Each structure stands twice: as C-alpha cells, then as structure tokens.
N, C-alpha and C. Protein backbone atom coordinates (compact mmCIF):
# COMPACT_ATOMS: atom_id res chain seq x y z
N MET A 1 0.84 -1.19 0.00
CA MET A 1 0.00 0.00 0.00
C MET A 1 0.88 1.25 0.00
N VAL A 2 0.48 2.23 -0.78
CA VAL A 2 1.21 3.49 -0.86
C VAL A 2 0.86 4.33 0.36
N LYS A 3 1.86 4.87 1.00
CA LYS A 3 1.65 5.67 2.20
C LYS A 3 0.93 6.98 1.85
N PRO A 4 0.03 7.42 2.73
CA PRO A 4 -0.70 8.68 2.50
C PRO A 4 0.23 9.88 2.31
N GLU A 5 1.37 9.88 3.01
CA GLU A 5 2.31 10.98 2.88
C GLU A 5 2.87 11.08 1.46
N LEU A 6 3.09 9.91 0.85
CA LEU A 6 3.59 9.88 -0.52
C LEU A 6 2.51 10.36 -1.49
N LEU A 7 1.28 9.95 -1.26
CA LEU A 7 0.18 10.38 -2.13
C LEU A 7 0.00 11.89 -2.12
N GLU A 8 0.30 12.52 -1.00
CA GLU A 8 0.15 13.97 -0.89
C GLU A 8 1.14 14.72 -1.77
N ILE A 9 2.31 14.14 -2.02
CA ILE A 9 3.32 14.86 -2.79
C ILE A 9 3.42 14.41 -4.25
N LEU A 10 2.92 13.21 -4.56
CA LEU A 10 2.98 12.72 -5.95
C LEU A 10 2.06 13.54 -6.84
N ARG A 11 2.53 13.83 -8.05
CA ARG A 11 1.75 14.54 -9.05
C ARG A 11 1.96 13.86 -10.40
N CYS A 12 1.00 14.04 -11.29
CA CYS A 12 1.11 13.49 -12.64
C CYS A 12 2.30 14.15 -13.33
N PRO A 13 3.25 13.37 -13.83
CA PRO A 13 4.43 13.96 -14.47
C PRO A 13 4.09 14.70 -15.77
N ASN A 14 2.96 14.38 -16.37
CA ASN A 14 2.56 15.06 -17.60
C ASN A 14 1.96 16.43 -17.31
N CYS A 15 1.25 16.58 -16.22
CA CYS A 15 0.48 17.80 -15.94
C CYS A 15 1.14 18.76 -14.97
N VAL A 16 2.08 18.32 -14.21
CA VAL A 16 2.58 19.08 -13.06
C VAL A 16 3.13 20.47 -13.43
N ARG A 17 3.62 20.66 -14.63
CA ARG A 17 4.19 21.97 -15.01
C ARG A 17 3.12 23.01 -15.30
N GLU A 18 1.96 22.57 -15.79
CA GLU A 18 0.92 23.51 -16.20
C GLU A 18 -0.32 23.48 -15.33
N LYS A 19 -0.55 22.37 -14.64
CA LYS A 19 -1.73 22.21 -13.80
C LYS A 19 -1.31 21.59 -12.48
N GLU A 20 -2.29 21.29 -11.64
CA GLU A 20 -1.95 20.68 -10.36
C GLU A 20 -1.51 19.23 -10.50
N GLY A 21 -2.13 18.50 -11.40
CA GLY A 21 -1.76 17.09 -11.59
C GLY A 21 -2.07 16.22 -10.39
N LEU A 22 -3.16 16.56 -9.68
CA LEU A 22 -3.53 15.78 -8.50
C LEU A 22 -3.91 14.37 -8.89
N LEU A 23 -3.51 13.43 -8.05
CA LEU A 23 -3.76 12.01 -8.30
C LEU A 23 -4.75 11.46 -7.28
N LYS A 24 -5.62 10.58 -7.75
CA LYS A 24 -6.59 9.92 -6.89
C LYS A 24 -6.25 8.44 -6.86
N LEU A 25 -6.23 7.87 -5.68
CA LEU A 25 -5.96 6.44 -5.51
C LEU A 25 -7.21 5.65 -5.85
N HIS A 26 -7.06 4.64 -6.69
CA HIS A 26 -8.18 3.79 -7.09
C HIS A 26 -7.87 2.34 -6.73
N LYS A 27 -8.66 1.78 -5.85
CA LYS A 27 -8.55 0.37 -5.43
C LYS A 27 -7.15 -0.03 -4.97
N ASP A 28 -6.42 0.91 -4.39
CA ASP A 28 -5.06 0.66 -3.90
C ASP A 28 -4.15 0.09 -4.98
N ALA A 29 -4.51 0.27 -6.26
CA ALA A 29 -3.73 -0.32 -7.34
C ALA A 29 -3.41 0.67 -8.47
N TRP A 30 -4.07 1.82 -8.48
CA TRP A 30 -3.90 2.79 -9.56
C TRP A 30 -3.90 4.21 -9.01
N LEU A 31 -3.13 5.08 -9.66
CA LEU A 31 -3.20 6.51 -9.40
C LEU A 31 -3.76 7.15 -10.66
N ILE A 32 -4.84 7.89 -10.53
CA ILE A 32 -5.52 8.49 -11.68
C ILE A 32 -5.40 10.01 -11.59
N CYS A 33 -4.88 10.62 -12.66
CA CYS A 33 -4.72 12.06 -12.70
C CYS A 33 -6.09 12.72 -12.88
N GLN A 34 -6.38 13.69 -12.04
CA GLN A 34 -7.65 14.39 -12.09
C GLN A 34 -7.70 15.40 -13.24
N ASP A 35 -6.56 15.74 -13.82
CA ASP A 35 -6.53 16.71 -14.92
C ASP A 35 -6.58 16.04 -16.29
N CYS A 36 -5.72 15.06 -16.55
CA CYS A 36 -5.61 14.49 -17.89
C CYS A 36 -6.21 13.09 -18.02
N GLY A 37 -6.47 12.43 -16.89
CA GLY A 37 -7.06 11.09 -16.94
C GLY A 37 -6.07 9.96 -17.12
N ARG A 38 -4.78 10.26 -17.14
CA ARG A 38 -3.80 9.18 -17.23
C ARG A 38 -3.89 8.33 -15.97
N LYS A 39 -3.63 7.04 -16.15
CA LYS A 39 -3.72 6.10 -15.05
C LYS A 39 -2.37 5.40 -14.88
N TYR A 40 -1.83 5.53 -13.68
CA TYR A 40 -0.51 4.98 -13.38
C TYR A 40 -0.67 3.78 -12.45
N PRO A 41 -0.15 2.62 -12.84
CA PRO A 41 -0.29 1.43 -11.99
C PRO A 41 0.64 1.48 -10.78
N ILE A 42 0.23 0.79 -9.75
CA ILE A 42 1.07 0.59 -8.57
C ILE A 42 1.44 -0.88 -8.56
N VAL A 43 2.72 -1.17 -8.80
CA VAL A 43 3.21 -2.54 -8.90
C VAL A 43 4.15 -2.80 -7.73
N ASP A 44 3.85 -3.82 -6.96
CA ASP A 44 4.64 -4.17 -5.77
C ASP A 44 4.80 -2.96 -4.85
N ASP A 45 3.71 -2.24 -4.64
CA ASP A 45 3.65 -1.06 -3.77
C ASP A 45 4.47 0.12 -4.27
N ILE A 46 4.86 0.11 -5.54
CA ILE A 46 5.65 1.20 -6.13
C ILE A 46 4.87 1.81 -7.29
N PRO A 47 4.52 3.10 -7.21
CA PRO A 47 3.83 3.74 -8.32
C PRO A 47 4.75 3.84 -9.54
N VAL A 48 4.25 3.42 -10.69
CA VAL A 48 5.00 3.51 -11.94
C VAL A 48 4.59 4.83 -12.60
N MET A 49 5.36 5.89 -12.31
CA MET A 49 4.98 7.24 -12.71
C MET A 49 5.66 7.67 -14.02
N LEU A 50 5.59 6.83 -15.02
CA LEU A 50 6.14 7.15 -16.34
C LEU A 50 5.00 7.60 -17.24
N ILE A 51 5.20 8.70 -17.97
CA ILE A 51 4.15 9.20 -18.85
C ILE A 51 3.73 8.14 -19.85
N ASP A 52 4.68 7.41 -20.41
CA ASP A 52 4.35 6.35 -21.37
C ASP A 52 3.44 5.29 -20.75
N GLU A 53 3.65 4.98 -19.48
CA GLU A 53 2.80 4.00 -18.80
C GLU A 53 1.40 4.56 -18.59
N GLY A 54 1.31 5.82 -18.22
CA GLY A 54 0.00 6.46 -18.06
C GLY A 54 -0.75 6.55 -19.37
N ASP A 55 -0.01 6.76 -20.47
CA ASP A 55 -0.63 6.83 -21.81
C ASP A 55 -1.30 5.52 -22.20
N LYS A 56 -0.73 4.40 -21.77
CA LYS A 56 -1.27 3.09 -22.13
C LYS A 56 -2.70 2.91 -21.62
N TRP A 57 -3.02 3.56 -20.51
CA TRP A 57 -4.29 3.31 -19.82
C TRP A 57 -5.25 4.49 -19.90
N VAL A 58 -4.87 5.57 -20.56
CA VAL A 58 -5.70 6.78 -20.55
C VAL A 58 -7.10 6.55 -21.11
N ASN A 59 -7.26 5.67 -22.08
CA ASN A 59 -8.57 5.42 -22.68
C ASN A 59 -9.33 4.26 -22.03
N THR A 60 -8.76 3.67 -20.99
CA THR A 60 -9.42 2.58 -20.27
C THR A 60 -10.30 3.17 -19.18
N ALA A 61 -11.54 2.75 -19.15
CA ALA A 61 -12.46 3.23 -18.12
C ALA A 61 -11.95 2.82 -16.74
N GLN A 62 -12.20 3.67 -15.77
CA GLN A 62 -11.73 3.41 -14.41
C GLN A 62 -12.22 2.05 -13.90
N GLU A 63 -13.44 1.70 -14.21
CA GLU A 63 -14.01 0.42 -13.75
C GLU A 63 -13.37 -0.78 -14.45
N ALA A 64 -12.75 -0.55 -15.61
CA ALA A 64 -12.16 -1.65 -16.39
C ALA A 64 -10.68 -1.87 -16.09
N LEU A 65 -10.11 -1.07 -15.21
CA LEU A 65 -8.69 -1.23 -14.89
C LEU A 65 -8.46 -2.56 -14.17
N PRO A 66 -7.46 -3.33 -14.60
CA PRO A 66 -7.21 -4.61 -13.93
C PRO A 66 -6.62 -4.44 -12.54
N VAL A 67 -7.11 -5.23 -11.61
CA VAL A 67 -6.60 -5.22 -10.24
C VAL A 67 -6.21 -6.64 -9.90
N PRO A 68 -4.96 -6.88 -9.61
CA PRO A 68 -3.83 -5.95 -9.61
C PRO A 68 -3.39 -5.61 -11.03
N PRO A 69 -2.68 -4.47 -11.17
CA PRO A 69 -2.18 -4.11 -12.49
C PRO A 69 -1.20 -5.16 -13.01
N PRO A 70 -1.12 -5.30 -14.32
CA PRO A 70 -0.18 -6.28 -14.86
C PRO A 70 1.27 -5.86 -14.58
N ALA A 71 2.07 -6.81 -14.19
CA ALA A 71 3.50 -6.55 -13.99
C ALA A 71 4.20 -6.64 -15.33
N LYS A 72 5.30 -5.93 -15.46
CA LYS A 72 6.02 -5.94 -16.74
C LYS A 72 6.74 -7.22 -16.95
C-alpha cells in the first residue's frame, strides 16, 4: 500500500508543469490524474509514474482497470 504521505506529494508527471496534476488512488492499485485522466499502476507497492505508462491506460475506463495491475 502506498503511504498517504507519498500520495500527498505525488503529481502526474505530464500535468505538473501547467496544472496541479492531482492524483486519486483507485482500489489501492492505480493513481488516476484528475486533470488528464492518465492512469498509473502501482506494482509491488511502487507507483510507476512514467508518462508512457500512463498513456497506455488513458482510454481505459476506471471500472475496467485490472486489479492488480499487470507486472512488466
């Protein structure tokens, strides 16, 4: 599980320069950007905060995200 303190400081790497890039925790397995909708998986309790990874899931509905996220 990602610690609440970490969630407070993490921001979407795509949005952080122009917007807030706030992230919402979804099912303890995904971080979803409130600005752009990119979805970043949490694998082995480590958020994968790569823009390319968020791009893979941007068009996937929140309810359709696999839990747990697929490991590489």
